[in-house]
PDB file of N, CA and C in Angstrom:
ATOM      1  N   UNK A   1       0.545  -1.025  -0.321  1.00  0.00           N
ATOM      2  CA  UNK A   1      -0.138  -0.540  -0.170  1.00  0.00           C
ATOM      3  C   UNK A   1       1.054   1.271   0.015  1.00  0.00           C
ATOM      4  N   UNK A   2       1.653   1.388   0.737  1.00  0.00           N
ATOM      5  CA  UNK A   2       2.707   2.210   0.498  1.00  0.00           C
ATOM      6  C   UNK A   2       3.354   2.790  -0.739  1.00  0.00           C
ATOM      7  N   UNK A   3       4.098   1.687  -1.196  1.00  0.00           N
ATOM      8  CA  UNK A   3       4.467   1.956  -2.561  1.00  0.00           C
ATOM      9  C   UNK A   3       3.347   2.682  -3.338  1.00  0.00           C
ATOM     10  N   UNK A   4       1.943   2.586  -3.167  1.00  0.00           N
ATOM     11  CA  UNK A   4       0.939   2.758  -4.371  1.00  0.00           C
ATOM     12  C   UNK A   4       0.656   3.820  -3.789  1.00  0.00           C
ATOM     13  N   UNK A   5       0.869   4.271  -2.861  1.00  0.00           N
ATOM     14  CA  UNK A   5       0.706   5.365  -2.074  1.00  0.00           C
ATOM     15  C   UNK A   5       1.936   6.762  -2.707  1.00  0.00           C
ATOM     16  N   UNK A   6       2.907   6.006  -2.287  1.00  0.00           N
ATOM     17  CA  UNK A   6       4.267   6.630  -3.140  1.00  0.00           C
ATOM     18  C   UNK A   6       4.229   7.306  -4.343  1.00  0.00           C
ATOM     19  N   UNK A   7       3.587   5.881  -4.975  1.00  0.00           N
ATOM     20  CA  UNK A   7       3.407   6.809  -7.069  1.00  0.00           C
ATOM     21  C   UNK A   7       2.519   7.490  -6.724  1.00  0.00           C
ATOM     22  N   UNK A   8       1.429   7.962  -6.495  1.00  0.00           N
ATOM     23  CA  UNK A   8      -0.033   8.331  -6.821  1.00  0.00           C
ATOM     24  C   UNK A   8       0.909  10.091  -6.285  1.00  0.00           C
ATOM     25  N   UNK A   9       1.486  10.371  -4.715  1.00  0.00           N
ATOM     26  CA  UNK A   9       1.998  10.989  -5.258  1.00  0.00           C
ATOM     27  C   UNK A   9       3.090  12.015  -6.576  1.00  0.00           C
ATOM     28  N   UNK A  10       4.294  10.974  -6.523  1.00  0.00           N
ATOM     29  CA  UNK A  10       5.043  11.207  -7.347  1.00  0.00           C
ATOM     30  C   UNK A  10       4.197  11.814  -8.469  1.00  0.00           C
ATOM     31  N   UNK A  11       2.785  11.222  -8.971  1.00  0.00           N
ATOM     32  CA  UNK A  11       2.155  10.952  -9.716  1.00  0.00           C
ATOM     33  C   UNK A  11       2.267  12.586 -10.181  1.00  0.00           C
ATOM     34  N   UNK A  12       1.625  13.096  -9.502  1.00  0.00           N
ATOM     35  CA  UNK A  12       0.428  14.524  -8.339  1.00  0.00           C
ATOM     36  C   UNK A  12       1.743  15.238  -8.501  1.00  0.00           C
ATOM     37  N   UNK A  13       2.701  15.255  -8.481  1.00  0.00           N
ATOM     38  CA  UNK A  13       3.447  16.368  -8.185  1.00  0.00           C
ATOM     39  C   UNK A  13       4.253  16.195  -9.571  1.00  0.00           C
ATOM     40  N   UNK A  14       4.626  15.221 -10.483  1.00  0.00           N
ATOM     41  CA  UNK A  14       5.244  15.342 -12.064  1.00  0.00           C
ATOM     42  C   UNK A  14       3.622  16.328 -12.167  1.00  0.00           C
ATOM     43  N   UNK A  15       2.339  15.808 -12.424  1.00  0.00           N
ATOM     44  CA  UNK A  15       1.210  16.419 -13.242  1.00  0.00           C
ATOM     45  C   UNK A  15       1.102  18.201 -12.730  1.00  0.00           C
ATOM     46  N   UNK A  16       1.889  18.461 -11.634  1.00  0.00           N
ATOM     47  CA  UNK A  16       1.739  19.598 -11.109  1.00  0.00           C
ATOM     48  C   UNK A  16       3.147  20.167 -11.738  1.00  0.00           C
ATOM     49  N   UNK A  17       3.950  19.745 -12.386  1.00  0.00           N
ATOM     50  CA  UNK A  17       5.287  20.396 -12.502  1.00  0.00           C
ATOM     51  C   UNK A  17       4.672  21.140 -13.745  1.00  0.00           C
ATOM     52  N   UNK A  18       4.433  19.958 -14.913  1.00  0.00           N
ATOM     53  CA  UNK A  18       3.732  20.071 -16.083  1.00  0.00           C
ATOM     54  C   UNK A  18       2.698  21.258 -16.186  1.00  0.00           C
ATOM     55  N   UNK A  19       1.372  20.696 -15.226  1.00  0.00           N
ATOM     56  CA  UNK A  19       0.876  22.218 -14.791  1.00  0.00           C
ATOM     57  C   UNK A  19       1.436  23.332 -15.108  1.00  0.00           C
ATOM     58  N   UNK A  20       2.446  24.212 -13.765  1.00  0.00           N
ATOM     59  CA  UNK A  20       2.992  24.864 -13.754  1.00  0.00           C
ATOM     60  C   UNK A  20       4.395  25.171 -15.001  1.00  0.00           C
ATOM     61  N   UNK A  21       4.983  24.527 -15.779  1.00  0.00           N
ATOM     62  CA  UNK A  21       5.166  24.900 -16.993  1.00  0.00           C
ATOM     63  C   UNK A  21       4.162  25.605 -17.806  1.00  0.00           C
ATOM     64  N   UNK A  22       3.151  24.820 -18.145  1.00  0.00           N
ATOM     65  CA  UNK A  22       2.440  25.740 -19.017  1.00  0.00           C
ATOM     66  C   UNK A  22       1.931  26.379 -18.518  1.00  0.00           C
ATOM     67  N   UNK A  23       1.668  26.914 -17.620  1.00  0.00           N
ATOM     68  CA  UNK A  23       0.875  28.679 -17.297  1.00  0.00           C
ATOM     69  C   UNK A  23       2.646  29.416 -16.524  1.00  0.00           C
ATOM     70  N   UNK A  24       3.510  28.828 -16.926  1.00  0.00           N
ATOM     71  CA  UNK A  24       4.384  29.963 -17.222  1.00  0.00           C
ATOM     72  C   UNK A  24       4.988  30.223 -18.462  1.00  0.00           C
ATOM     73  N   UNK A  25       4.664  29.088 -19.349  1.00  0.00           N
ATOM     74  CA  UNK A  25       5.009  29.241 -20.534  1.00  0.00           C
ATOM     75  C   UNK A  25       4.256  29.951 -21.065  1.00  0.00           C
ATOM     76  N   UNK A  26       2.258  29.857 -21.022  1.00  0.00           N
ATOM     77  CA  UNK A  26       0.868  30.835 -20.552  1.00  0.00           C
ATOM     78  C   UNK A  26       0.929  32.577 -20.381  1.00  0.00           C
ATOM     79  N   UNK A  27       1.959  32.887 -19.803  1.00  0.00           N
ATOM     80  CA  UNK A  27       2.180  34.388 -19.153  1.00  0.00           C
ATOM     81  C   UNK A  27       3.572  34.250 -19.804  1.00  0.00           C
ATOM     82  N   UNK A  28       4.316  33.772 -20.476  1.00  0.00           N
ATOM     83  CA  UNK A  28       5.072  34.159 -21.377  1.00  0.00           C
ATOM     84  C   UNK A  28       5.541  34.602 -22.847  1.00  0.00           C
ATOM     85  N   UNK A  29       3.965  33.767 -23.423  1.00  0.00           N
ATOM     86  CA  UNK A  29       3.054  34.088 -24.247  1.00  0.00           C
ATOM     87  C   UNK A  29       2.538  35.269 -24.515  1.00  0.00           C
ATOM     88  N   UNK A  30       1.400  36.010 -23.013  1.00  0.00           N
ATOM     89  CA  UNK A  30       1.087  36.495 -23.190  1.00  0.00           C
ATOM     90  C   UNK A  30       1.655  37.648 -23.020  1.00  0.00           C
ATOM     91  N   UNK A  31       2.723  37.599 -22.168  1.00  0.00           N
ATOM     92  CA  UNK A  31       3.187  38.607 -21.895  1.00  0.00           C
ATOM     93  C   UNK A  31       4.058  39.313 -23.043  1.00  0.00           C
ATOM     94  N   UNK A  32       4.353  38.685 -24.196  1.00  0.00           N
ATOM     95  CA  UNK A  32       4.621  39.159 -25.460  1.00  0.00           C
ATOM     96  C   UNK A  32       3.698  40.192 -26.192  1.00  0.00           C
ATOM     97  N   UNK A  33       2.878  39.151 -25.815  1.00  0.00           N
ATOM     98  CA  UNK A  33       1.354  39.905 -27.040  1.00  0.00           C
ATOM     99  C   UNK A  33       1.172  41.596 -25.984  1.00  0.00           C
ATOM    100  N   UNK A  34       1.030  41.444 -24.879  1.00  0.00           N
ATOM    101  CA  UNK A  34       0.210  42.550 -23.969  1.00  0.00           C
ATOM    102  C   UNK A  34       0.698  43.284 -23.068  1.00  0.00           C
ATOM    103  N   UNK A  35       2.335  42.936 -22.489  1.00  0.00           N
ATOM    104  CA  UNK A  35       3.146  43.074 -21.801  1.00  0.00           C
ATOM    105  C   UNK A  35       2.886  42.659 -20.809  1.00  0.00           C
ATOM    106  N   UNK A  36       2.737  43.373 -19.516  1.00  0.00           N
ATOM    107  CA  UNK A  36       2.580  42.785 -18.085  1.00  0.00           C
ATOM    108  C   UNK A  36       1.513  42.727 -18.064  1.00  0.00           C
ATOM    109  N   UNK A  37       0.233  43.730 -18.264  1.00  0.00           N
ATOM    110  CA  UNK A  37      -1.107  43.400 -18.185  1.00  0.00           C
ATOM    111  C   UNK A  37      -1.512  42.105 -19.055  1.00  0.00           C
ATOM    112  N   UNK A  38      -0.385  41.247 -19.621  1.00  0.00           N
ATOM    113  CA  UNK A  38      -0.784  39.809 -19.960  1.00  0.00           C
ATOM    114  C   UNK A  38      -0.794  38.909 -19.332  1.00  0.00           C
ATOM    115  N   UNK A  39      -0.746  39.355 -17.760  1.00  0.00           N
ATOM    116  CA  UNK A  39       0.100  38.537 -16.543  1.00  0.00           C
ATOM    117  C   UNK A  39      -1.565  38.548 -16.210  1.00  0.00           C
ATOM    118  N   UNK A  40      -1.752  39.820 -15.668  1.00  0.00           N
ATOM    119  CA  UNK A  40      -3.661  39.587 -15.468  1.00  0.00           C
ATOM    120  C   UNK A  40      -4.918  39.448 -15.686  1.00  0.00           C
ATOM    121  N   UNK A  41      -4.095  39.267 -17.229  1.00  0.00           N
ATOM    122  CA  UNK A  41      -5.453  38.925 -18.114  1.00  0.00           C
ATOM    123  C   UNK A  41      -5.071  37.228 -17.718  1.00  0.00           C
ATOM    124  N   UNK A  42      -4.223  36.579 -18.142  1.00  0.00           N
ATOM    125  CA  UNK A  42      -4.077  34.924 -17.457  1.00  0.00           C
ATOM    126  C   UNK A  42      -4.796  35.036 -16.452  1.00  0.00           C
ATOM    127  N   UNK A  43      -4.185  35.822 -15.120  1.00  0.00           N
ATOM    128  CA  UNK A  43      -4.977  35.800 -13.627  1.00  0.00           C
ATOM    129  C   UNK A  43      -6.415  35.644 -13.486  1.00  0.00           C
ATOM    130  N   UNK A  44      -7.299  36.391 -14.620  1.00  0.00           N
ATOM    131  CA  UNK A  44      -8.212  36.611 -14.693  1.00  0.00           C
ATOM    132  C   UNK A  44      -9.396  35.157 -15.423  1.00  0.00           C
ATOM    133  N   UNK A  45      -8.554  34.664 -16.290  1.00  0.00           N
ATOM    134  CA  UNK A  45      -8.643  33.837 -16.810  1.00  0.00           C
ATOM    135  C   UNK A  45      -8.422  32.288 -15.698  1.00  0.00           C
ATOM    136  N   UNK A  46      -7.543  32.025 -15.154  1.00  0.00           N
ATOM    137  CA  UNK A  46      -7.551  30.755 -14.404  1.00  0.00           C
ATOM    138  C   UNK A  46      -8.156  30.771 -12.914  1.00  0.00           C
ATOM    139  N   UNK A  47      -8.483  31.823 -12.363  1.00  0.00           N
ATOM    140  CA  UNK A  47      -9.562  32.341 -11.598  1.00  0.00           C
ATOM    141  C   UNK A  47     -10.901  32.265 -11.004  1.00  0.00           C
TER     142      UNK A  47
END
C-alpha cells in the first residue's frame, strides 16, 4: 500500500510540474502580446 501511495504522490507532483510549466509558457506568451498586463489577463482566466 505504501508503494502505491508514493506512486500517486509522485504522479501528482509530475502533473503539478507540467501544469506549472504550461502556465509559465502561457504567461510568457501573454507577456509578449500584452506586456505586463498579460499576467493580470491570464490570472483572470484561471480564477
